[in-house]
Amino acid sequence: MTMAIMQSDVYKFTTMPDEALVISGIQAYSTNSTFTKFEWSTNHGATSTLYYGIDPSTLDQTATTAQDGNTLHLAYADQLKPGTTYYYQVVANDAFGHYVKSDVYTFTTVSEIKI
């Protein structure tokens, strides 16, 4: 009796992380009268967007992404109004279908100094 040996194609798969996607360390910094930077982390690689606006129920503007797609995320917003309180929130998702929103935070731009 002759046995034939057969090989199958090679397939690649990626396992899903056991833990939920988490956003942490969200902060606005280097804020001046018309500009601010943002930084946050995720517990594993993800893409994210930071939304902001002057009404916490309508975050209708999107910060410009400077770094995204891994665990450290950086963005900035410019053309802001001096002396204004803004609200912001991060929304992140990963390749495994995890989706998460952060709490809503605030920052206030510096008032213009009139001489």
PDB file of N, CA and C in Angstrom:
ATOM      1  N   MET A   1       0.831  -1.171   0.000  1.00  0.00           N
ATOM      2  CA  MET A   1       0.000   0.000   0.000  1.00  0.00           C
ATOM      3  C   MET A   1       0.879   1.239   0.000  1.00  0.00           C
ATOM      4  N   THR A   2       0.620   2.114  -0.913  1.00  0.00           N
ATOM      5  CA  THR A   2       1.383   3.343  -1.034  1.00  0.00           C
ATOM      6  C   THR A   2       0.574   4.487  -0.444  1.00  0.00           C
ATOM      7  N   MET A   3       1.244   5.311   0.425  1.00  0.00           N
ATOM      8  CA  MET A   3       0.568   6.469   1.038  1.00  0.00           C
ATOM      9  C   MET A   3       1.009   7.743   0.334  1.00  0.00           C
ATOM     10  N   ALA A   4       0.055   8.551   0.018  1.00  0.00           N
ATOM     11  CA  ALA A   4       0.358   9.846  -0.585  1.00  0.00           C
ATOM     12  C   ALA A   4       0.414  10.896   0.518  1.00  0.00           C
ATOM     13  N   ILE A   5       1.419  11.715   0.453  1.00  0.00           N
ATOM     14  CA  ILE A   5       1.550  12.813   1.413  1.00  0.00           C
ATOM     15  C   ILE A   5       1.060  14.078   0.725  1.00  0.00           C
ATOM     16  N   MET A   6       0.152  14.771   1.426  1.00  0.00           N
ATOM     17  CA  MET A   6      -0.401  15.986   0.856  1.00  0.00           C
ATOM     18  C   MET A   6      -0.124  17.153   1.797  1.00  0.00           C
ATOM     19  N   GLN A   7       0.104  18.306   1.236  1.00  0.00           N
ATOM     20  CA  GLN A   7       0.316  19.514   2.019  1.00  0.00           C
ATOM     21  C   GLN A   7      -0.805  20.502   1.721  1.00  0.00           C
ATOM     22  N   SER A   8      -1.192  21.230   2.747  1.00  0.00           N
ATOM     23  CA  SER A   8      -2.196  22.267   2.543  1.00  0.00           C
ATOM     24  C   SER A   8      -1.498  23.611   2.390  1.00  0.00           C
ATOM     25  N   ASP A   9      -2.258  24.594   2.014  1.00  0.00           N
ATOM     26  CA  ASP A   9      -1.740  25.954   1.961  1.00  0.00           C
ATOM     27  C   ASP A   9      -1.434  26.414   3.377  1.00  0.00           C
ATOM     28  N   VAL A  10      -0.577  27.407   3.496  1.00  0.00           N
ATOM     29  CA  VAL A  10      -0.240  27.990   4.792  1.00  0.00           C
ATOM     30  C   VAL A  10      -1.147  29.198   5.008  1.00  0.00           C
ATOM     31  N   TYR A  11      -1.774  29.250   6.159  1.00  0.00           N
ATOM     32  CA  TYR A  11      -2.672  30.356   6.491  1.00  0.00           C
ATOM     33  C   TYR A  11      -2.126  31.102   7.689  1.00  0.00           C
ATOM     34  N   LYS A  12      -2.363  32.387   7.719  1.00  0.00           N
ATOM     35  CA  LYS A  12      -1.926  33.245   8.817  1.00  0.00           C
ATOM     36  C   LYS A  12      -3.156  33.708   9.587  1.00  0.00           C
ATOM     37  N   PHE A  13      -3.043  33.778  10.907  1.00  0.00           N
ATOM     38  CA  PHE A  13      -4.132  34.312  11.710  1.00  0.00           C
ATOM     39  C   PHE A  13      -3.557  35.115  12.867  1.00  0.00           C
ATOM     40  N   THR A  14      -4.351  36.006  13.382  1.00  0.00           N
ATOM     41  CA  THR A  14      -3.966  36.834  14.521  1.00  0.00           C
ATOM     42  C   THR A  14      -4.998  36.631  15.614  1.00  0.00           C
ATOM     43  N   THR A  15      -4.505  36.419  16.811  1.00  0.00           N
ATOM     44  CA  THR A  15      -5.436  36.226  17.921  1.00  0.00           C
ATOM     45  C   THR A  15      -5.895  37.568  18.459  1.00  0.00           C
ATOM     46  N   MET A  16      -7.090  37.609  18.957  1.00  0.00           N
ATOM     47  CA  MET A  16      -7.665  38.819  19.512  1.00  0.00           C
ATOM     48  C   MET A  16      -7.173  39.008  20.943  1.00  0.00           C
ATOM     49  N   PRO A  17      -6.784  40.232  21.309  1.00  0.00           N
ATOM     50  CA  PRO A  17      -6.379  40.468  22.698  1.00  0.00           C
ATOM     51  C   PRO A  17      -7.525  40.147  23.659  1.00  0.00           C
ATOM     52  N   ASP A  18      -7.169  39.600  24.810  1.00  0.00           N
ATOM     53  CA  ASP A  18      -8.179  39.278  25.818  1.00  0.00           C
ATOM     54  C   ASP A  18      -8.737  40.517  26.494  1.00  0.00           C
ATOM     55  N   GLU A  19      -7.977  41.595  26.483  1.00  0.00           N
ATOM     56  CA  GLU A  19      -8.402  42.783  27.214  1.00  0.00           C
ATOM     57  C   GLU A  19      -9.098  43.791  26.301  1.00  0.00           C
ATOM     58  N   ALA A  20     -10.000  44.525  26.892  1.00  0.00           N
ATOM     59  CA  ALA A  20     -10.714  45.578  26.164  1.00  0.00           C
ATOM     60  C   ALA A  20      -9.755  46.716  25.836  1.00  0.00           C
ATOM     61  N   LEU A  21     -10.067  47.465  24.832  1.00  0.00           N
ATOM     62  CA  LEU A  21      -9.294  48.642  24.464  1.00  0.00           C
ATOM     63  C   LEU A  21      -9.525  49.731  25.513  1.00  0.00           C
ATOM     64  N   VAL A  22      -8.431  50.313  26.029  1.00  0.00           N
ATOM     65  CA  VAL A  22      -8.514  51.327  27.085  1.00  0.00           C
ATOM     66  C   VAL A  22      -7.729  52.564  26.650  1.00  0.00           C
ATOM     67  N   ILE A  23      -8.321  53.731  26.842  1.00  0.00           N
ATOM     68  CA  ILE A  23      -7.661  55.016  26.596  1.00  0.00           C
ATOM     69  C   ILE A  23      -7.237  55.572  27.948  1.00  0.00           C
ATOM     70  N   SER A  24      -6.006  56.066  28.044  1.00  0.00           N
ATOM     71  CA  SER A  24      -5.537  56.626  29.316  1.00  0.00           C
ATOM     72  C   SER A  24      -4.615  57.819  29.069  1.00  0.00           C
ATOM     73  N   GLY A  25      -4.343  58.563  30.138  1.00  0.00           N
ATOM     74  CA  GLY A  25      -3.381  59.664  30.094  1.00  0.00           C
ATOM     75  C   GLY A  25      -3.757  60.794  29.153  1.00  0.00           C
ATOM     76  N   ILE A  26      -5.028  61.028  28.978  1.00  0.00           N
ATOM     77  CA  ILE A  26      -5.466  62.074  28.054  1.00  0.00           C
ATOM     78  C   ILE A  26      -5.158  63.441  28.648  1.00  0.00           C
ATOM     79  N   GLN A  27      -4.484  64.274  27.859  1.00  0.00           N
ATOM     80  CA  GLN A  27      -4.173  65.612  28.349  1.00  0.00           C
ATOM     81  C   GLN A  27      -4.026  66.607  27.199  1.00  0.00           C
ATOM     82  N   ALA A  28      -4.396  67.843  27.494  1.00  0.00           N
ATOM     83  CA  ALA A  28      -4.117  68.977  26.617  1.00  0.00           C
ATOM     84  C   ALA A  28      -2.953  69.714  27.256  1.00  0.00           C
ATOM     85  N   TYR A  29      -1.984  70.143  26.451  1.00  0.00           N
ATOM     86  CA  TYR A  29      -0.813  70.831  27.006  1.00  0.00           C
ATOM     87  C   TYR A  29      -0.268  71.822  25.982  1.00  0.00           C
ATOM     88  N   SER A  30       0.672  72.650  26.412  1.00  0.00           N
ATOM     89  CA  SER A  30       1.253  73.705  25.579  1.00  0.00           C
ATOM     90  C   SER A  30       0.172  74.593  24.969  1.00  0.00           C
ATOM     91  N   THR A  31      -0.860  74.847  25.756  1.00  0.00           N
ATOM     92  CA  THR A  31      -1.983  75.647  25.270  1.00  0.00           C
ATOM     93  C   THR A  31      -1.628  77.127  25.313  1.00  0.00           C
ATOM     94  N   ASN A  32      -1.878  77.820  24.210  1.00  0.00           N
ATOM     95  CA  ASN A  32      -1.732  79.274  24.213  1.00  0.00           C
ATOM     96  C   ASN A  32      -3.071  79.873  23.781  1.00  0.00           C
ATOM     97  N   SER A  33      -3.085  81.045  23.202  1.00  0.00           N
ATOM     98  CA  SER A  33      -4.361  81.696  22.894  1.00  0.00           C
ATOM     99  C   SER A  33      -5.087  81.081  21.694  1.00  0.00           C
ATOM    100  N   THR A  34      -4.365  80.415  20.791  1.00  0.00           N
ATOM    101  CA  THR A  34      -5.009  79.885  19.582  1.00  0.00           C
ATOM    102  C   THR A  34      -4.607  78.454  19.234  1.00  0.00           C
ATOM    103  N   PHE A  35      -3.872  77.779  20.106  1.00  0.00           N
ATOM    104  CA  PHE A  35      -3.296  76.476  19.768  1.00  0.00           C
ATOM    105  C   PHE A  35      -3.181  75.611  21.020  1.00  0.00           C
ATOM    106  N   THR A  36      -3.362  74.298  20.873  1.00  0.00           N
ATOM    107  CA  THR A  36      -3.056  73.357  21.955  1.00  0.00           C
ATOM    108  C   THR A  36      -2.640  72.013  21.373  1.00  0.00           C
ATOM    109  N   LYS A  37      -1.883  71.273  22.150  1.00  0.00           N
ATOM    110  CA  LYS A  37      -1.477  69.914  21.788  1.00  0.00           C
ATOM    111  C   LYS A  37      -2.219  68.932  22.684  1.00  0.00           C
ATOM    112  N   PHE A  38      -2.411  67.717  22.186  1.00  0.00           N
ATOM    113  CA  PHE A  38      -3.056  66.654  22.941  1.00  0.00           C
ATOM    114  C   PHE A  38      -2.186  65.406  22.908  1.00  0.00           C
ATOM    115  N   GLU A  39      -2.270  64.632  23.973  1.00  0.00           N
ATOM    116  CA  GLU A  39      -1.562  63.362  24.035  1.00  0.00           C
ATOM    117  C   GLU A  39      -2.423  62.364  24.805  1.00  0.00           C
ATOM    118  N   TRP A  40      -2.402  61.100  24.388  1.00  0.00           N
ATOM    119  CA  TRP A  40      -3.082  60.026  25.115  1.00  0.00           C
ATOM    120  C   TRP A  40      -2.462  58.703  24.711  1.00  0.00           C
ATOM    121  N   SER A  41      -2.786  57.674  25.442  1.00  0.00           N
ATOM    122  CA  SER A  41      -2.271  56.333  25.174  1.00  0.00           C
ATOM    123  C   SER A  41      -3.425  55.348  25.097  1.00  0.00           C
ATOM    124  N   THR A  42      -3.174  54.253  24.394  1.00  0.00           N
ATOM    125  CA  THR A  42      -4.081  53.112  24.417  1.00  0.00           C
ATOM    126  C   THR A  42      -3.274  51.899  24.861  1.00  0.00           C
ATOM    127  N   ASN A  43      -3.943  50.918  25.431  1.00  0.00           N
ATOM    128  CA  ASN A  43      -3.230  49.765  25.979  1.00  0.00           C
ATOM    129  C   ASN A  43      -2.735  48.791  24.911  1.00  0.00           C
ATOM    130  N   HIS A  44      -3.198  48.914  23.680  1.00  0.00           N
ATOM    131  CA  HIS A  44      -2.604  48.208  22.549  1.00  0.00           C
ATOM    132  C   HIS A  44      -2.858  49.025  21.281  1.00  0.00           C
ATOM    133  N   GLY A  45      -2.213  48.646  20.201  1.00  0.00           N
ATOM    134  CA  GLY A  45      -2.277  49.424  18.970  1.00  0.00           C
ATOM    135  C   GLY A  45      -3.701  49.754  18.546  1.00  0.00           C
ATOM    136  N   ALA A  46      -3.946  51.007  18.233  1.00  0.00           N
ATOM    137  CA  ALA A  46      -5.283  51.456  17.843  1.00  0.00           C
ATOM    138  C   ALA A  46      -5.169  52.728  17.026  1.00  0.00           C
ATOM    139  N   THR A  47      -6.214  53.023  16.302  1.00  0.00           N
ATOM    140  CA  THR A  47      -6.328  54.329  15.663  1.00  0.00           C
ATOM    141  C   THR A  47      -7.375  55.115  16.433  1.00  0.00           C
ATOM    142  N   SER A  48      -7.211  56.417  16.447  1.00  0.00           N
ATOM    143  CA  SER A  48      -8.123  57.225  17.251  1.00  0.00           C
ATOM    144  C   SER A  48      -8.287  58.611  16.662  1.00  0.00           C
ATOM    145  N   THR A  49      -9.334  59.267  17.108  1.00  0.00           N
ATOM    146  CA  THR A  49      -9.646  60.623  16.680  1.00  0.00           C
ATOM    147  C   THR A  49     -10.025  61.433  17.911  1.00  0.00           C
ATOM    148  N   LEU A  50      -9.537  62.665  17.974  1.00  0.00           N
ATOM    149  CA  LEU A  50      -9.911  63.558  19.061  1.00  0.00           C
ATOM    150  C   LEU A  50     -10.880  64.592  18.506  1.00  0.00           C
ATOM    151  N   TYR A  51     -12.056  64.647  19.111  1.00  0.00           N
ATOM    152  CA  TYR A  51     -13.086  65.609  18.737  1.00  0.00           C
ATOM    153  C   TYR A  51     -13.153  66.701  19.792  1.00  0.00           C
ATOM    154  N   TYR A  52     -13.385  67.941  19.375  1.00  0.00           N
ATOM    155  CA  TYR A  52     -13.484  69.039  20.329  1.00  0.00           C
ATOM    156  C   TYR A  52     -14.498  70.070  19.854  1.00  0.00           C
ATOM    157  N   GLY A  53     -14.878  70.939  20.771  1.00  0.00           N
ATOM    158  CA  GLY A  53     -15.808  72.012  20.444  1.00  0.00           C
ATOM    159  C   GLY A  53     -16.099  72.833  21.680  1.00  0.00           C
ATOM    160  N   ILE A  54     -16.922  73.867  21.526  1.00  0.00           N
ATOM    161  CA  ILE A  54     -17.229  74.751  22.657  1.00  0.00           C
ATOM    162  C   ILE A  54     -18.479  74.311  23.416  1.00  0.00           C
ATOM    163  N   ASP A  55     -19.173  73.298  22.899  1.00  0.00           N
ATOM    164  CA  ASP A  55     -20.362  72.748  23.559  1.00  0.00           C
ATOM    165  C   ASP A  55     -20.107  71.259  23.797  1.00  0.00           C
ATOM    166  N   PRO A  56     -20.146  70.795  25.059  1.00  0.00           N
ATOM    167  CA  PRO A  56     -19.816  69.395  25.328  1.00  0.00           C
ATOM    168  C   PRO A  56     -20.752  68.392  24.673  1.00  0.00           C
ATOM    169  N   SER A  57     -21.925  68.815  24.273  1.00  0.00           N
ATOM    170  CA  SER A  57     -22.850  67.892  23.619  1.00  0.00           C
ATOM    171  C   SER A  57     -22.691  67.881  22.095  1.00  0.00           C
ATOM    172  N   THR A  58     -21.873  68.805  21.585  1.00  0.00           N
ATOM    173  CA  THR A  58     -21.641  68.890  20.139  1.00  0.00           C
ATOM    174  C   THR A  58     -20.151  69.093  19.884  1.00  0.00           C
ATOM    175  N   LEU A  59     -19.399  68.030  19.917  1.00  0.00           N
ATOM    176  CA  LEU A  59     -17.964  68.109  19.637  1.00  0.00           C
ATOM    177  C   LEU A  59     -17.792  67.960  18.133  1.00  0.00           C
ATOM    178  N   ASP A  60     -17.875  69.095  17.436  1.00  0.00           N
ATOM    179  CA  ASP A  60     -18.005  69.094  15.988  1.00  0.00           C
ATOM    180  C   ASP A  60     -16.725  69.403  15.222  1.00  0.00           C
ATOM    181  N   GLN A  61     -15.603  69.465  15.904  1.00  0.00           N
ATOM    182  CA  GLN A  61     -14.335  69.719  15.239  1.00  0.00           C
ATOM    183  C   GLN A  61     -13.386  68.555  15.518  1.00  0.00           C
ATOM    184  N   THR A  62     -12.480  68.309  14.586  1.00  0.00           N
ATOM    185  CA  THR A  62     -11.532  67.204  14.714  1.00  0.00           C
ATOM    186  C   THR A  62     -10.123  67.753  14.798  1.00  0.00           C
ATOM    187  N   ALA A  63      -9.378  67.317  15.807  1.00  0.00           N
ATOM    188  CA  ALA A  63      -7.977  67.731  15.939  1.00  0.00           C
ATOM    189  C   ALA A  63      -7.157  67.083  14.835  1.00  0.00           C
ATOM    190  N   THR A  64      -6.085  67.750  14.448  1.00  0.00           N
ATOM    191  CA  THR A  64      -5.170  67.216  13.443  1.00  0.00           C
ATOM    192  C   THR A  64      -4.280  66.173  14.098  1.00  0.00           C
ATOM    193  N   THR A  65      -4.239  64.990  13.522  1.00  0.00           N
ATOM    194  CA  THR A  65      -3.446  63.900  14.076  1.00  0.00           C
ATOM    195  C   THR A  65      -1.986  64.080  13.704  1.00  0.00           C
ATOM    196  N   ALA A  66      -1.103  63.987  14.705  1.00  0.00           N
ATOM    197  CA  ALA A  66       0.330  64.070  14.467  1.00  0.00           C
ATOM    198  C   ALA A  66       0.985  62.686  14.566  1.00  0.00           C
ATOM    199  N   GLN A  67       0.422  61.807  15.397  1.00  0.00           N
ATOM    200  CA  GLN A  67       0.923  60.436  15.541  1.00  0.00           C
ATOM    201  C   GLN A  67      -0.234  59.551  15.978  1.00  0.00           C
ATOM    202  N   ASP A  68      -0.402  58.416  15.294  1.00  0.00           N
ATOM    203  CA  ASP A  68      -1.525  57.537  15.605  1.00  0.00           C
ATOM    204  C   ASP A  68      -1.203  56.131  15.115  1.00  0.00           C
ATOM    205  N   GLY A  69      -1.987  55.161  15.532  1.00  0.00           N
ATOM    206  CA  GLY A  69      -1.861  53.814  15.013  1.00  0.00           C
ATOM    207  C   GLY A  69      -1.114  52.849  15.901  1.00  0.00           C
ATOM    208  N   ASN A  70      -0.494  53.324  16.958  1.00  0.00           N
ATOM    209  CA  ASN A  70       0.177  52.436  17.891  1.00  0.00           C
ATOM    210  C   ASN A  70      -0.418  52.679  19.266  1.00  0.00           C
ATOM    211  N   THR A  71       0.401  52.794  20.309  1.00  0.00           N
ATOM    212  CA  THR A  71      -0.146  53.016  21.647  1.00  0.00           C
ATOM    213  C   THR A  71      -0.018  54.466  22.110  1.00  0.00           C
ATOM    214  N   LEU A  72       0.865  55.259  21.503  1.00  0.00           N
ATOM    215  CA  LEU A  72       0.995  56.675  21.834  1.00  0.00           C
ATOM    216  C   LEU A  72       0.338  57.478  20.720  1.00  0.00           C
ATOM    217  N   HIS A  73      -0.509  58.425  21.099  1.00  0.00           N
ATOM    218  CA  HIS A  73      -1.265  59.204  20.122  1.00  0.00           C
ATOM    219  C   HIS A  73      -1.061  60.691  20.404  1.00  0.00           C
ATOM    220  N   LEU A  74      -0.801  61.463  19.355  1.00  0.00           N
ATOM    221  CA  LEU A  74      -0.571  62.904  19.461  1.00  0.00           C
ATOM    222  C   LEU A  74      -1.423  63.623  18.434  1.00  0.00           C
ATOM    223  N   ALA A  75      -1.958  64.773  18.830  1.00  0.00           N
ATOM    224  CA  ALA A  75      -2.769  65.586  17.927  1.00  0.00           C
ATOM    225  C   ALA A  75      -2.652  67.043  18.358  1.00  0.00           C
ATOM    226  N   TYR A  76      -3.148  67.943  17.519  1.00  0.00           N
ATOM    227  CA  TYR A  76      -3.165  69.356  17.890  1.00  0.00           C
ATOM    228  C   TYR A  76      -4.378  70.039  17.277  1.00  0.00           C
ATOM    229  N   ALA A  77      -4.729  71.165  17.870  1.00  0.00           N
ATOM    230  CA  ALA A  77      -5.802  72.007  17.347  1.00  0.00           C
ATOM    231  C   ALA A  77      -5.269  73.429  17.247  1.00  0.00           C
ATOM    232  N   ASP A  78      -5.561  74.078  16.147  1.00  0.00           N
ATOM    233  CA  ASP A  78      -5.138  75.467  15.969  1.00  0.00           C
ATOM    234  C   ASP A  78      -6.338  76.306  15.529  1.00  0.00           C
ATOM    235  N   GLN A  79      -6.115  77.559  15.335  1.00  0.00           N
ATOM    236  CA  GLN A  79      -7.164  78.522  14.987  1.00  0.00           C
ATOM    237  C   GLN A  79      -8.266  78.545  16.049  1.00  0.00           C
ATOM    238  N   LEU A  80      -7.854  78.403  17.302  1.00  0.00           N
ATOM    239  CA  LEU A  80      -8.787  78.451  18.432  1.00  0.00           C
ATOM    240  C   LEU A  80      -9.052  79.899  18.818  1.00  0.00           C
ATOM    241  N   LYS A  81     -10.117  80.125  19.570  1.00  0.00           N
ATOM    242  CA  LYS A  81     -10.460  81.467  20.034  1.00  0.00           C
ATOM    243  C   LYS A  81      -9.814  81.713  21.398  1.00  0.00           C
ATOM    244  N   PRO A  82      -9.149  82.862  21.572  1.00  0.00           N
ATOM    245  CA  PRO A  82      -8.520  83.174  22.860  1.00  0.00           C
ATOM    246  C   PRO A  82      -9.545  83.255  23.993  1.00  0.00           C
ATOM    247  N   GLY A  83      -9.120  82.826  25.184  1.00  0.00           N
ATOM    248  CA  GLY A  83      -9.958  82.936  26.370  1.00  0.00           C
ATOM    249  C   GLY A  83     -11.232  82.106  26.305  1.00  0.00           C
ATOM    250  N   THR A  84     -11.187  80.978  25.621  1.00  0.00           N
ATOM    251  CA  THR A  84     -12.376  80.151  25.415  1.00  0.00           C
ATOM    252  C   THR A  84     -12.179  78.767  26.023  1.00  0.00           C
ATOM    253  N   THR A  85     -13.201  78.258  26.679  1.00  0.00           N
ATOM    254  CA  THR A  85     -13.166  76.894  27.196  1.00  0.00           C
ATOM    255  C   THR A  85     -13.662  75.944  26.106  1.00  0.00           C
ATOM    256  N   TYR A  86     -12.867  74.928  25.849  1.00  0.00           N
ATOM    257  CA  TYR A  86     -13.207  73.898  24.869  1.00  0.00           C
ATOM    258  C   TYR A  86     -13.376  72.563  25.587  1.00  0.00           C
ATOM    259  N   TYR A  87     -14.179  71.710  24.997  1.00  0.00           N
ATOM    260  CA  TYR A  87     -14.403  70.356  25.496  1.00  0.00           C
ATOM    261  C   TYR A  87     -13.837  69.396  24.462  1.00  0.00           C
ATOM    262  N   TYR A  88     -13.303  68.261  24.927  1.00  0.00           N
ATOM    263  CA  TYR A  88     -12.754  67.296  23.979  1.00  0.00           C
ATOM    264  C   TYR A  88     -12.933  65.864  24.459  1.00  0.00           C
ATOM    265  N   GLN A  89     -12.927  64.961  23.481  1.00  0.00           N
ATOM    266  CA  GLN A  89     -13.133  63.540  23.740  1.00  0.00           C
ATOM    267  C   GLN A  89     -12.367  62.732  22.689  1.00  0.00           C
ATOM    268  N   VAL A  90     -11.795  61.614  23.121  1.00  0.00           N
ATOM    269  CA  VAL A  90     -11.083  60.720  22.216  1.00  0.00           C
ATOM    270  C   VAL A  90     -11.957  59.502  21.928  1.00  0.00           C
ATOM    271  N   VAL A  91     -11.985  59.112  20.665  1.00  0.00           N
ATOM    272  CA  VAL A  91     -12.663  57.888  20.237  1.00  0.00           C
ATOM    273  C   VAL A  91     -11.599  57.011  19.584  1.00  0.00           C
ATOM    274  N   ALA A  92     -11.491  55.746  20.034  1.00  0.00           N
ATOM    275  CA  ALA A  92     -10.464  54.845  19.509  1.00  0.00           C
ATOM    276  C   ALA A  92     -11.074  53.520  19.095  1.00  0.00           C
ATOM    277  N   ASN A  93     -10.437  52.897  18.104  1.00  0.00           N
ATOM    278  CA  ASN A  93     -10.818  51.539  17.722  1.00  0.00           C
ATOM    279  C   ASN A  93      -9.570  50.782  17.263  1.00  0.00           C
ATOM    280  N   ASP A  94      -9.657  49.475  17.318  1.00  0.00           N
ATOM    281  CA  ASP A  94      -8.514  48.665  16.923  1.00  0.00           C
ATOM    282  C   ASP A  94      -8.916  47.674  15.835  1.00  0.00           C
ATOM    283  N   ALA A  95      -7.943  46.918  15.363  1.00  0.00           N
ATOM    284  CA  ALA A  95      -8.167  45.975  14.269  1.00  0.00           C
ATOM    285  C   ALA A  95      -9.074  44.814  14.659  1.00  0.00           C
ATOM    286  N   PHE A  96      -9.352  44.650  15.945  1.00  0.00           N
ATOM    287  CA  PHE A  96     -10.162  43.529  16.420  1.00  0.00           C
ATOM    288  C   PHE A  96     -11.617  43.927  16.674  1.00  0.00           C
ATOM    289  N   GLY A  97     -11.971  45.152  16.295  1.00  0.00           N
ATOM    290  CA  GLY A  97     -13.346  45.595  16.449  1.00  0.00           C
ATOM    291  C   GLY A  97     -13.667  46.231  17.792  1.00  0.00           C
ATOM    292  N   HIS A  98     -12.660  46.395  18.656  1.00  0.00           N
ATOM    293  CA  HIS A  98     -12.901  47.085  19.921  1.00  0.00           C
ATOM    294  C   HIS A  98     -13.083  48.573  19.634  1.00  0.00           C
ATOM    295  N   TYR A  99     -13.999  49.194  20.336  1.00  0.00           N
ATOM    296  CA  TYR A  99     -14.331  50.611  20.150  1.00  0.00           C
ATOM    297  C   TYR A  99     -14.553  51.214  21.529  1.00  0.00           C
ATOM    298  N   VAL A 100     -13.968  52.376  21.779  1.00  0.00           N
ATOM    299  CA  VAL A 100     -14.128  53.001  23.085  1.00  0.00           C
ATOM    300  C   VAL A 100     -14.106  54.526  22.942  1.00  0.00           C
ATOM    301  N   LYS A 101     -14.887  55.189  23.804  1.00  0.00           N
ATOM    302  CA  LYS A 101     -14.890  56.656  23.905  1.00  0.00           C
ATOM    303  C   LYS A 101     -14.381  57.025  25.285  1.00  0.00           C
ATOM    304  N   SER A 102     -13.609  58.096  25.341  1.00  0.00           N
ATOM    305  CA  SER A 102     -13.148  58.600  26.641  1.00  0.00           C
ATOM    306  C   SER A 102     -14.242  59.456  27.272  1.00  0.00           C
ATOM    307  N   ASP A 103     -14.007  59.853  28.497  1.00  0.00           N
ATOM    308  CA  ASP A 103     -14.837  60.890  29.107  1.00  0.00           C
ATOM    309  C   ASP A 103     -14.615  62.177  28.326  1.00  0.00           C
ATOM    310  N   VAL A 104     -15.403  63.194  28.597  1.00  0.00           N
ATOM    311  CA  VAL A 104     -15.222  64.514  27.990  1.00  0.00           C
ATOM    312  C   VAL A 104     -14.407  65.361  28.965  1.00  0.00           C
ATOM    313  N   TYR A 105     -13.358  65.991  28.449  1.00  0.00           N
ATOM    314  CA  TYR A 105     -12.455  66.823  29.244  1.00  0.00           C
ATOM    315  C   TYR A 105     -12.519  68.263  28.748  1.00  0.00           C
ATOM    316  N   THR A 106     -11.882  69.169  29.494  1.00  0.00           N
ATOM    317  CA  THR A 106     -11.862  70.583  29.089  1.00  0.00           C
ATOM    318  C   THR A 106     -10.448  71.138  29.083  1.00  0.00           C
ATOM    319  N   PHE A 107     -10.268  72.181  28.297  1.00  0.00           N
ATOM    320  CA  PHE A 107      -9.085  73.042  28.367  1.00  0.00           C
ATOM    321  C   PHE A 107      -9.552  74.448  28.022  1.00  0.00           C
ATOM    322  N   THR A 108      -8.813  75.425  28.465  1.00  0.00           N
ATOM    323  CA  THR A 108      -9.148  76.823  28.185  1.00  0.00           C
ATOM    324  C   THR A 108      -7.954  77.495  27.555  1.00  0.00           C
ATOM    325  N   THR A 109      -8.176  78.160  26.434  1.00  0.00           N
ATOM    326  CA  THR A 109      -7.098  78.892  25.781  1.00  0.00           C
ATOM    327  C   THR A 109      -6.781  80.149  26.587  1.00  0.00           C
ATOM    328  N   VAL A 110      -5.580  80.631  26.419  1.00  0.00           N
ATOM    329  CA  VAL A 110      -5.095  81.815  27.119  1.00  0.00           C
ATOM    330  C   VAL A 110      -5.770  83.053  26.513  1.00  0.00           C
ATOM    331  N   SER A 111      -6.176  83.969  27.368  1.00  0.00           N
ATOM    332  CA  SER A 111      -6.744  85.224  26.874  1.00  0.00           C
ATOM    333  C   SER A 111      -5.646  86.064  26.255  1.00  0.00           C
ATOM    334  N   GLU A 112      -6.001  86.819  25.227  1.00  0.00           N
ATOM    335  CA  GLU A 112      -5.025  87.715  24.612  1.00  0.00           C
ATOM    336  C   GLU A 112      -4.709  88.847  25.564  1.00  0.00           C
ATOM    337  N   ILE A 113      -3.465  89.213  25.603  1.00  0.00           N
ATOM    338  CA  ILE A 113      -3.039  90.330  26.452  1.00  0.00           C
ATOM    339  C   ILE A 113      -3.128  91.605  25.630  1.00  0.00           C
ATOM    340  N   LYS A 114      -3.921  92.557  26.109  1.00  0.00           N
ATOM    341  CA  LYS A 114      -4.069  93.826  25.390  1.00  0.00           C
ATOM    342  C   LYS A 114      -3.181  94.867  26.057  1.00  0.00           C
ATOM    343  N   ILE A 115      -2.383  95.487  25.255  1.00  0.00           N
ATOM    344  CA  ILE A 115      -1.455  96.492  25.773  1.00  0.00           C
ATOM    345  C   ILE A 115      -1.942  97.870  25.427  1.00  0.00           C
TER     346      ILE A 115
END
